N, C-alpha and C. Protein backbone atom coordinates (compact mmCIF):
# COMPACT_ATOMS: atom_id res chain seq x y z
N MET A 1 -15.98 -6.71 -11.16
CA MET A 1 -15.17 -5.59 -10.76
C MET A 1 -16.10 -4.51 -10.20
N PRO A 2 -15.83 -4.04 -8.98
CA PRO A 2 -16.66 -2.97 -8.41
C PRO A 2 -16.55 -1.70 -9.25
N ARG A 3 -17.64 -0.95 -9.28
CA ARG A 3 -17.67 0.29 -10.05
C ARG A 3 -18.08 1.45 -9.15
N ALA A 4 -17.69 2.65 -9.54
CA ALA A 4 -18.09 3.85 -8.82
C ALA A 4 -18.48 4.90 -9.87
N LYS A 5 -19.35 5.80 -9.47
CA LYS A 5 -19.83 6.84 -10.38
C LYS A 5 -19.36 8.20 -9.86
N LEU A 6 -18.89 9.05 -10.75
CA LEU A 6 -18.46 10.39 -10.39
C LEU A 6 -19.69 11.27 -10.15
N SER A 7 -19.73 11.93 -8.99
CA SER A 7 -20.88 12.77 -8.67
C SER A 7 -20.78 14.12 -9.37
N SER A 8 -21.79 14.92 -9.24
CA SER A 8 -21.78 16.26 -9.84
C SER A 8 -20.72 17.15 -9.20
N LYS A 9 -20.24 16.77 -8.01
CA LYS A 9 -19.17 17.51 -7.33
C LYS A 9 -17.80 16.86 -7.56
N SER A 10 -17.70 15.99 -8.56
CA SER A 10 -16.47 15.28 -8.91
C SER A 10 -15.97 14.39 -7.78
N GLN A 11 -16.88 13.80 -7.02
CA GLN A 11 -16.52 12.91 -5.93
C GLN A 11 -16.89 11.48 -6.30
N ILE A 12 -16.14 10.52 -5.73
CA ILE A 12 -16.49 9.12 -5.90
C ILE A 12 -16.58 8.48 -4.51
N VAL A 13 -17.33 7.40 -4.43
CA VAL A 13 -17.42 6.62 -3.20
C VAL A 13 -16.74 5.29 -3.49
N LEU A 14 -15.74 4.94 -2.68
CA LEU A 14 -15.08 3.65 -2.86
C LEU A 14 -16.03 2.55 -2.39
N PRO A 15 -16.18 1.50 -3.17
CA PRO A 15 -17.08 0.42 -2.77
C PRO A 15 -16.65 -0.19 -1.43
N ALA A 16 -17.64 -0.57 -0.62
CA ALA A 16 -17.38 -1.10 0.72
C ALA A 16 -16.43 -2.29 0.72
N PRO A 17 -16.55 -3.26 -0.21
CA PRO A 17 -15.61 -4.39 -0.16
C PRO A 17 -14.15 -3.95 -0.30
N ILE A 18 -13.91 -2.94 -1.11
CA ILE A 18 -12.54 -2.44 -1.29
C ILE A 18 -12.08 -1.70 -0.04
N ARG A 19 -12.96 -0.90 0.55
CA ARG A 19 -12.60 -0.20 1.80
C ARG A 19 -12.26 -1.20 2.89
N ARG A 20 -13.03 -2.27 2.99
CA ARG A 20 -12.75 -3.29 4.01
C ARG A 20 -11.43 -4.01 3.71
N GLN A 21 -11.22 -4.36 2.46
CA GLN A 21 -10.01 -5.09 2.06
C GLN A 21 -8.75 -4.30 2.40
N LEU A 22 -8.78 -2.99 2.16
CA LEU A 22 -7.61 -2.14 2.40
C LEU A 22 -7.65 -1.46 3.76
N ASN A 23 -8.68 -1.77 4.55
CA ASN A 23 -8.85 -1.16 5.88
C ASN A 23 -8.80 0.37 5.80
N ILE A 24 -9.57 0.92 4.86
CA ILE A 24 -9.65 2.37 4.68
C ILE A 24 -10.78 2.90 5.53
N LYS A 25 -10.47 3.87 6.37
CA LYS A 25 -11.44 4.47 7.29
C LYS A 25 -11.59 5.96 6.97
N PRO A 26 -12.69 6.58 7.41
CA PRO A 26 -12.83 8.03 7.21
C PRO A 26 -11.64 8.77 7.81
N GLY A 27 -11.10 9.70 7.06
CA GLY A 27 -9.95 10.48 7.51
C GLY A 27 -8.62 9.95 7.01
N ASP A 28 -8.59 8.70 6.51
CA ASP A 28 -7.34 8.16 5.95
C ASP A 28 -6.98 8.93 4.69
N GLU A 29 -5.69 9.09 4.47
CA GLU A 29 -5.23 9.76 3.26
C GLU A 29 -4.98 8.73 2.18
N LEU A 30 -5.30 9.11 0.95
CA LEU A 30 -5.10 8.24 -0.20
C LEU A 30 -4.17 8.93 -1.19
N GLU A 31 -3.36 8.15 -1.87
CA GLU A 31 -2.48 8.67 -2.92
C GLU A 31 -3.14 8.35 -4.26
N ILE A 32 -3.20 9.35 -5.14
CA ILE A 32 -3.88 9.18 -6.42
C ILE A 32 -2.90 9.56 -7.53
N SER A 33 -2.76 8.68 -8.52
CA SER A 33 -1.90 8.99 -9.65
C SER A 33 -2.64 8.58 -10.93
N ALA A 34 -2.22 9.17 -12.04
CA ALA A 34 -2.82 8.86 -13.33
C ALA A 34 -1.73 8.69 -14.37
N GLU A 35 -1.86 7.65 -15.16
CA GLU A 35 -0.93 7.41 -16.26
C GLU A 35 -1.71 6.82 -17.41
N ASP A 36 -1.55 7.40 -18.57
CA ASP A 36 -2.33 7.01 -19.75
C ASP A 36 -3.82 7.11 -19.40
N ASN A 37 -4.54 6.02 -19.47
CA ASN A 37 -5.97 6.05 -19.20
C ASN A 37 -6.31 5.31 -17.91
N VAL A 38 -5.32 5.26 -16.98
CA VAL A 38 -5.49 4.49 -15.74
C VAL A 38 -5.30 5.40 -14.53
N ILE A 39 -6.24 5.35 -13.60
CA ILE A 39 -6.15 6.08 -12.34
C ILE A 39 -5.86 5.05 -11.25
N THR A 40 -4.84 5.32 -10.44
CA THR A 40 -4.49 4.43 -9.34
C THR A 40 -4.73 5.15 -8.02
N ILE A 41 -5.46 4.51 -7.13
CA ILE A 41 -5.73 5.06 -5.80
C ILE A 41 -5.20 4.04 -4.80
N ARG A 42 -4.33 4.50 -3.89
CA ARG A 42 -3.85 3.60 -2.86
C ARG A 42 -3.81 4.30 -1.52
N LYS A 43 -3.89 3.52 -0.48
CA LYS A 43 -3.87 4.06 0.88
C LYS A 43 -2.46 4.57 1.18
N SER A 44 -2.37 5.79 1.68
CA SER A 44 -1.07 6.34 2.06
C SER A 44 -0.58 5.67 3.32
N PRO A 45 0.73 5.40 3.40
CA PRO A 45 1.26 4.85 4.65
C PRO A 45 1.11 5.89 5.76
N GLN A 46 0.88 5.41 6.98
CA GLN A 46 0.68 6.33 8.09
C GLN A 46 2.00 6.87 8.62
N SER A 47 3.11 6.20 8.32
CA SER A 47 4.40 6.68 8.79
C SER A 47 5.48 6.26 7.80
N ALA A 48 6.65 6.85 7.94
CA ALA A 48 7.77 6.48 7.08
C ALA A 48 8.15 5.02 7.30
N ALA A 49 8.04 4.55 8.53
CA ALA A 49 8.37 3.16 8.84
C ALA A 49 7.42 2.21 8.11
N ASP A 50 6.13 2.57 8.06
CA ASP A 50 5.16 1.75 7.33
C ASP A 50 5.50 1.72 5.85
N ALA A 51 5.91 2.86 5.30
CA ALA A 51 6.27 2.93 3.89
C ALA A 51 7.48 2.07 3.59
N LEU A 52 8.49 2.11 4.46
CA LEU A 52 9.67 1.28 4.27
C LEU A 52 9.34 -0.20 4.39
N ASP A 53 8.48 -0.53 5.33
CA ASP A 53 8.07 -1.93 5.51
C ASP A 53 7.37 -2.44 4.26
N ALA A 54 6.56 -1.60 3.65
CA ALA A 54 5.84 -2.01 2.45
C ALA A 54 6.78 -2.23 1.27
N CYS A 55 7.91 -1.51 1.24
CA CYS A 55 8.87 -1.67 0.14
C CYS A 55 9.42 -3.08 0.08
N GLY A 56 9.68 -3.67 1.23
CA GLY A 56 10.27 -5.00 1.27
C GLY A 56 9.27 -6.10 0.98
N SER A 57 8.01 -5.80 1.15
CA SER A 57 6.91 -6.75 1.01
C SER A 57 7.30 -8.12 1.55
N ASP A 58 7.07 -9.16 0.78
CA ASP A 58 7.34 -10.53 1.25
C ASP A 58 8.62 -11.11 0.68
N ILE A 59 9.42 -10.29 0.02
CA ILE A 59 10.60 -10.80 -0.67
C ILE A 59 11.52 -11.59 0.26
N TRP A 60 11.80 -11.04 1.45
CA TRP A 60 12.78 -11.67 2.35
C TRP A 60 12.14 -12.45 3.48
N ARG A 61 10.84 -12.56 3.51
CA ARG A 61 10.21 -13.31 4.58
C ARG A 61 10.59 -14.79 4.47
N GLY A 62 10.94 -15.38 5.60
CA GLY A 62 11.36 -16.78 5.61
C GLY A 62 12.85 -16.98 5.43
N TYR A 63 13.60 -15.89 5.25
CA TYR A 63 15.04 -15.98 5.05
C TYR A 63 15.83 -15.43 6.23
N GLU A 64 15.22 -15.43 7.40
CA GLU A 64 15.87 -14.84 8.57
C GLU A 64 17.22 -15.50 8.86
N LYS A 65 17.26 -16.83 8.81
CA LYS A 65 18.49 -17.56 9.12
C LYS A 65 19.60 -17.18 8.13
N GLU A 66 19.28 -17.19 6.84
CA GLU A 66 20.27 -16.84 5.82
C GLU A 66 20.76 -15.40 5.97
N LEU A 67 19.84 -14.49 6.28
CA LEU A 67 20.23 -13.10 6.46
C LEU A 67 21.13 -12.93 7.69
N ASP A 68 20.81 -13.62 8.78
CA ASP A 68 21.66 -13.56 9.98
C ASP A 68 23.05 -14.10 9.69
N GLU A 69 23.14 -15.20 8.95
CA GLU A 69 24.44 -15.77 8.60
C GLU A 69 25.24 -14.80 7.74
N ALA A 70 24.58 -14.14 6.78
CA ALA A 70 25.27 -13.17 5.93
C ALA A 70 25.75 -11.99 6.75
N ARG A 71 24.95 -11.52 7.70
CA ARG A 71 25.35 -10.41 8.56
C ARG A 71 26.56 -10.79 9.42
N ASP A 72 26.58 -12.02 9.91
CA ASP A 72 27.70 -12.48 10.73
C ASP A 72 29.00 -12.46 9.95
N GLN A 73 28.94 -12.70 8.64
CA GLN A 73 30.14 -12.68 7.81
C GLN A 73 30.67 -11.25 7.63
N TRP A 74 29.80 -10.26 7.74
CA TRP A 74 30.21 -8.88 7.55
C TRP A 74 30.95 -8.33 8.77
N THR A 75 30.63 -8.85 9.95
CA THR A 75 31.23 -8.32 11.17
C THR A 75 32.57 -8.97 11.42
N PRO A 76 33.57 -8.15 11.74
CA PRO A 76 34.91 -8.71 11.99
C PRO A 76 34.99 -9.45 13.30
């Protein structure tokens, strides 16, 4: 597990493998939350559309035909 050290200015450097994995670049915004003894850092979506796309994740991928058939039943 990659580790980071808190500097005297309360800053951390994200390890390069994690930055590459999440495609984090200088200037990107990150969301930080804390619960119990766990800190979570995640890349902020760049737009509302990106955020909505992330909500669906892979749940409905591969079900295009079934979704189209269900939509056809809704239309009179």
